[in-house]
Amino acid sequence: MAYEPDMTIFFDSVTMAVIVSFRGVTVYLPGPYADRKAAVLTGEAHCYRLGWRD
């Protein structure tokens, strides 16, 4: 998938949470998520709800 410029999805393996930066807004999605893949999919879904289109 092609991310927008400055779109970042970061999985924190210690807290099992994801941090998403999208269009200048950063949000913390606490989880816990089972693994990095699940966290990234959740982060991408969050961006999709905000208008991101691959």
PDB file of N, CA and C in Angstrom:
ATOM      1  N   MET A   1       0.839  -1.188   0.000  1.00  0.00           N
ATOM      2  CA  MET A   1       0.000   0.000   0.000  1.00  0.00           C
ATOM      3  C   MET A   1       0.873   1.236   0.000  1.00  0.00           C
ATOM      4  N   ALA A   2       0.451   2.225  -0.696  1.00  0.00           N
ATOM      5  CA  ALA A   2       1.200   3.472  -0.754  1.00  0.00           C
ATOM      6  C   ALA A   2       0.667   4.434   0.305  1.00  0.00           C
ATOM      7  N   TYR A   3       1.525   4.783   1.234  1.00  0.00           N
ATOM      8  CA  TYR A   3       1.154   5.747   2.266  1.00  0.00           C
ATOM      9  C   TYR A   3       1.281   7.160   1.725  1.00  0.00           C
ATOM     10  N   GLU A   4       0.516   8.068   2.314  1.00  0.00           N
ATOM     11  CA  GLU A   4       0.645   9.478   1.981  1.00  0.00           C
ATOM     12  C   GLU A   4       1.948   9.998   2.572  1.00  0.00           C
ATOM     13  N   PRO A   5       2.485  11.100   2.019  1.00  0.00           N
ATOM     14  CA  PRO A   5       3.678  11.697   2.631  1.00  0.00           C
ATOM     15  C   PRO A   5       3.391  12.014   4.102  1.00  0.00           C
ATOM     16  N   ASP A   6       4.329  11.731   4.965  1.00  0.00           N
ATOM     17  CA  ASP A   6       4.223  11.979   6.408  1.00  0.00           C
ATOM     18  C   ASP A   6       3.206  11.094   7.121  1.00  0.00           C
ATOM     19  N   MET A   7       2.696  10.072   6.461  1.00  0.00           N
ATOM     20  CA  MET A   7       1.816   9.102   7.122  1.00  0.00           C
ATOM     21  C   MET A   7       2.710   8.041   7.746  1.00  0.00           C
ATOM     22  N   THR A   8       2.569   7.855   9.053  1.00  0.00           N
ATOM     23  CA  THR A   8       3.423   6.917   9.769  1.00  0.00           C
ATOM     24  C   THR A   8       2.585   6.050  10.701  1.00  0.00           C
ATOM     25  N   ILE A   9       2.884   4.770  10.706  1.00  0.00           N
ATOM     26  CA  ILE A   9       2.245   3.835  11.629  1.00  0.00           C
ATOM     27  C   ILE A   9       3.364   3.120  12.360  1.00  0.00           C
ATOM     28  N   PHE A  10       3.382   3.253  13.684  1.00  0.00           N
ATOM     29  CA  PHE A  10       4.455   2.708  14.506  1.00  0.00           C
ATOM     30  C   PHE A  10       3.876   1.746  15.534  1.00  0.00           C
ATOM     31  N   PHE A  11       4.377   0.521  15.563  1.00  0.00           N
ATOM     32  CA  PHE A  11       3.960  -0.473  16.549  1.00  0.00           C
ATOM     33  C   PHE A  11       4.952  -0.475  17.694  1.00  0.00           C
ATOM     34  N   ASP A  12       4.444  -0.280  18.898  1.00  0.00           N
ATOM     35  CA  ASP A  12       5.276  -0.312  20.106  1.00  0.00           C
ATOM     36  C   ASP A  12       5.200  -1.729  20.673  1.00  0.00           C
ATOM     37  N   SER A  13       6.266  -2.498  20.503  1.00  0.00           N
ATOM     38  CA  SER A  13       6.254  -3.901  20.912  1.00  0.00           C
ATOM     39  C   SER A  13       6.281  -4.084  22.431  1.00  0.00           C
ATOM     40  N   VAL A  14       6.595  -3.039  23.172  1.00  0.00           N
ATOM     41  CA  VAL A  14       6.592  -3.131  24.636  1.00  0.00           C
ATOM     42  C   VAL A  14       5.166  -3.013  25.174  1.00  0.00           C
ATOM     43  N   THR A  15       4.451  -1.988  24.715  1.00  0.00           N
ATOM     44  CA  THR A  15       3.082  -1.769  25.192  1.00  0.00           C
ATOM     45  C   THR A  15       2.037  -2.452  24.315  1.00  0.00           C
ATOM     46  N   MET A  16       2.474  -2.981  23.165  1.00  0.00           N
ATOM     47  CA  MET A  16       1.582  -3.645  22.194  1.00  0.00           C
ATOM     48  C   MET A  16       0.517  -2.683  21.662  1.00  0.00           C
ATOM     49  N   ALA A  17       0.889  -1.417  21.533  1.00  0.00           N
ATOM     50  CA  ALA A  17      -0.004  -0.369  21.043  1.00  0.00           C
ATOM     51  C   ALA A  17       0.501   0.127  19.693  1.00  0.00           C
ATOM     52  N   VAL A  18      -0.280   0.970  19.070  1.00  0.00           N
ATOM     53  CA  VAL A  18       0.128   1.553  17.792  1.00  0.00           C
ATOM     54  C   VAL A  18      -0.027   3.065  17.865  1.00  0.00           C
ATOM     55  N   ILE A  19       0.924   3.757  17.258  1.00  0.00           N
ATOM     56  CA  ILE A  19       0.890   5.215  17.168  1.00  0.00           C
ATOM     57  C   ILE A  19       0.768   5.554  15.688  1.00  0.00           C
ATOM     58  N   VAL A  20      -0.216   6.378  15.362  1.00  0.00           N
ATOM     59  CA  VAL A  20      -0.498   6.724  13.974  1.00  0.00           C
ATOM     60  C   VAL A  20      -0.382   8.225  13.798  1.00  0.00           C
ATOM     61  N   SER A  21       0.391   8.628  12.807  1.00  0.00           N
ATOM     62  CA  SER A  21       0.469  10.030  12.424  1.00  0.00           C
ATOM     63  C   SER A  21      -0.102  10.142  11.015  1.00  0.00           C
ATOM     64  N   PHE A  22      -1.157  10.945  10.876  1.00  0.00           N
ATOM     65  CA  PHE A  22      -1.851  11.051   9.599  1.00  0.00           C
ATOM     66  C   PHE A  22      -2.357  12.471   9.416  1.00  0.00           C
ATOM     67  N   ARG A  23      -1.909  13.097   8.334  1.00  0.00           N
ATOM     68  CA  ARG A  23      -2.319  14.463   7.988  1.00  0.00           C
ATOM     69  C   ARG A  23      -2.124  15.444   9.146  1.00  0.00           C
ATOM     70  N   GLY A  24      -0.986  15.311   9.811  1.00  0.00           N
ATOM     71  CA  GLY A  24      -0.618  16.253  10.858  1.00  0.00           C
ATOM     72  C   GLY A  24      -1.185  15.968  12.232  1.00  0.00           C
ATOM     73  N   VAL A  25      -1.933  14.886  12.362  1.00  0.00           N
ATOM     74  CA  VAL A  25      -2.527  14.532  13.649  1.00  0.00           C
ATOM     75  C   VAL A  25      -1.957  13.180  14.084  1.00  0.00           C
ATOM     76  N   THR A  26      -1.473  13.120  15.326  1.00  0.00           N
ATOM     77  CA  THR A  26      -0.932  11.886  15.867  1.00  0.00           C
ATOM     78  C   THR A  26      -1.881  11.347  16.925  1.00  0.00           C
ATOM     79  N   VAL A  27      -2.192  10.055  16.821  1.00  0.00           N
ATOM     80  CA  VAL A  27      -3.078   9.417  17.791  1.00  0.00           C
ATOM     81  C   VAL A  27      -2.410   8.151  18.316  1.00  0.00           C
ATOM     82  N   TYR A  28      -2.780   7.801  19.531  1.00  0.00           N
ATOM     83  CA  TYR A  28      -2.296   6.601  20.199  1.00  0.00           C
ATOM     84  C   TYR A  28      -3.460   5.632  20.308  1.00  0.00           C
ATOM     85  N   LEU A  29      -3.310   4.454  19.734  1.00  0.00           N
ATOM     86  CA  LEU A  29      -4.341   3.424  19.803  1.00  0.00           C
ATOM     87  C   LEU A  29      -3.815   2.331  20.741  1.00  0.00           C
ATOM     88  N   PRO A  30      -4.329   2.269  21.965  1.00  0.00           N
ATOM     89  CA  PRO A  30      -3.705   1.489  23.020  1.00  0.00           C
ATOM     90  C   PRO A  30      -3.682  -0.025  22.843  1.00  0.00           C
ATOM     91  N   GLY A  31      -4.569  -0.614  22.123  1.00  0.00           N
ATOM     92  CA  GLY A  31      -4.533  -2.066  21.981  1.00  0.00           C
ATOM     93  C   GLY A  31      -4.927  -2.779  23.267  1.00  0.00           C
ATOM     94  N   PRO A  32      -4.308  -3.871  23.617  1.00  0.00           N
ATOM     95  CA  PRO A  32      -3.121  -4.464  23.002  1.00  0.00           C
ATOM     96  C   PRO A  32      -3.452  -5.218  21.710  1.00  0.00           C
ATOM     97  N   TYR A  33      -2.504  -5.207  20.801  1.00  0.00           N
ATOM     98  CA  TYR A  33      -2.620  -5.923  19.544  1.00  0.00           C
ATOM     99  C   TYR A  33      -1.725  -7.154  19.617  1.00  0.00           C
ATOM    100  N   ALA A  34      -2.166  -8.227  19.006  1.00  0.00           N
ATOM    101  CA  ALA A  34      -1.457  -9.504  19.100  1.00  0.00           C
ATOM    102  C   ALA A  34      -0.043  -9.443  18.535  1.00  0.00           C
ATOM    103  N   ASP A  35       0.116  -8.660  17.465  1.00  0.00           N
ATOM    104  CA  ASP A  35       1.428  -8.566  16.814  1.00  0.00           C
ATOM    105  C   ASP A  35       1.480  -7.313  15.954  1.00  0.00           C
ATOM    106  N   ARG A  36       2.627  -7.110  15.322  1.00  0.00           N
ATOM    107  CA  ARG A  36       2.828  -5.917  14.492  1.00  0.00           C
ATOM    108  C   ARG A  36       1.822  -5.854  13.344  1.00  0.00           C
ATOM    109  N   LYS A  37       1.577  -6.989  12.713  1.00  0.00           N
ATOM    110  CA  LYS A  37       0.660  -7.018  11.579  1.00  0.00           C
ATOM    111  C   LYS A  37      -0.737  -6.541  11.971  1.00  0.00           C
ATOM    112  N   ALA A  38      -1.249  -7.023  13.083  1.00  0.00           N
ATOM    113  CA  ALA A  38      -2.576  -6.614  13.561  1.00  0.00           C
ATOM    114  C   ALA A  38      -2.601  -5.127  13.884  1.00  0.00           C
ATOM    115  N   ALA A  39      -1.530  -4.629  14.481  1.00  0.00           N
ATOM    116  CA  ALA A  39      -1.462  -3.214  14.836  1.00  0.00           C
ATOM    117  C   ALA A  39      -1.430  -2.333  13.592  1.00  0.00           C
ATOM    118  N   VAL A  40      -0.638  -2.714  12.603  1.00  0.00           N
ATOM    119  CA  VAL A  40      -0.544  -1.928  11.368  1.00  0.00           C
ATOM    120  C   VAL A  40      -1.877  -1.935  10.627  1.00  0.00           C
ATOM    121  N   LEU A  41      -2.538  -3.064  10.576  1.00  0.00           N
ATOM    122  CA  LEU A  41      -3.858  -3.120   9.934  1.00  0.00           C
ATOM    123  C   LEU A  41      -4.852  -2.199  10.629  1.00  0.00           C
ATOM    124  N   THR A  42      -4.800  -2.141  11.947  1.00  0.00           N
ATOM    125  CA  THR A  42      -5.670  -1.232  12.697  1.00  0.00           C
ATOM    126  C   THR A  42      -5.319   0.215  12.397  1.00  0.00           C
ATOM    127  N   GLY A  43      -4.018   0.529  12.351  1.00  0.00           N
ATOM    128  CA  GLY A  43      -3.589   1.886  12.016  1.00  0.00           C
ATOM    129  C   GLY A  43      -4.019   2.295  10.620  1.00  0.00           C
ATOM    130  N   GLU A  44      -3.912   1.380   9.671  1.00  0.00           N
ATOM    131  CA  GLU A  44      -4.345   1.667   8.309  1.00  0.00           C
ATOM    132  C   GLU A  44      -5.853   1.859   8.240  1.00  0.00           C
ATOM    133  N   ALA A  45      -6.606   1.067   8.989  1.00  0.00           N
ATOM    134  CA  ALA A  45      -8.063   1.224   9.034  1.00  0.00           C
ATOM    135  C   ALA A  45      -8.439   2.590   9.601  1.00  0.00           C
ATOM    136  N   HIS A  46      -7.697   3.027  10.606  1.00  0.00           N
ATOM    137  CA  HIS A  46      -7.929   4.356  11.192  1.00  0.00           C
ATOM    138  C   HIS A  46      -7.736   5.443  10.122  1.00  0.00           C
ATOM    139  N   CYS A  47      -6.652   5.351   9.376  1.00  0.00           N
ATOM    140  CA  CYS A  47      -6.378   6.334   8.320  1.00  0.00           C
ATOM    141  C   CYS A  47      -7.425   6.261   7.220  1.00  0.00           C
ATOM    142  N   TYR A  48      -7.856   5.053   6.893  1.00  0.00           N
ATOM    143  CA  TYR A  48      -8.878   4.882   5.867  1.00  0.00           C
ATOM    144  C   TYR A  48     -10.165   5.596   6.264  1.00  0.00           C
ATOM    145  N   ARG A  49     -10.551   5.472   7.543  1.00  0.00           N
ATOM    146  CA  ARG A  49     -11.759   6.163   8.035  1.00  0.00           C
ATOM    147  C   ARG A  49     -11.620   7.683   7.937  1.00  0.00           C
ATOM    148  N   LEU A  50     -10.370   8.170   7.976  1.00  0.00           N
ATOM    149  CA  LEU A  50     -10.131   9.609   7.903  1.00  0.00           C
ATOM    150  C   LEU A  50      -9.929  10.115   6.472  1.00  0.00           C
ATOM    151  N   GLY A  51     -10.058   9.228   5.488  1.00  0.00           N
ATOM    152  CA  GLY A  51     -10.013   9.683   4.102  1.00  0.00           C
ATOM    153  C   GLY A  51      -8.854   9.189   3.263  1.00  0.00           C
ATOM    154  N   TRP A  52      -7.968   8.383   3.830  1.00  0.00           N
ATOM    155  CA  TRP A  52      -6.842   7.873   3.060  1.00  0.00           C
ATOM    156  C   TRP A  52      -7.320   6.832   2.067  1.00  0.00           C
ATOM    157  N   ARG A  53      -6.825   6.928   0.850  1.00  0.00           N
ATOM    158  CA  ARG A  53      -7.120   5.927  -0.173  1.00  0.00           C
ATOM    159  C   ARG A  53      -5.814   5.484  -0.773  1.00  0.00           C
ATOM    160  N   ASP A  54      -5.595   4.186  -0.776  1.00  0.00           N
ATOM    161  CA  ASP A  54      -4.374   3.599  -1.312  1.00  0.00           C
ATOM    162  C   ASP A  54      -4.331   3.789  -2.815  1.00  0.00           C
TER     163      ASP A  54
END
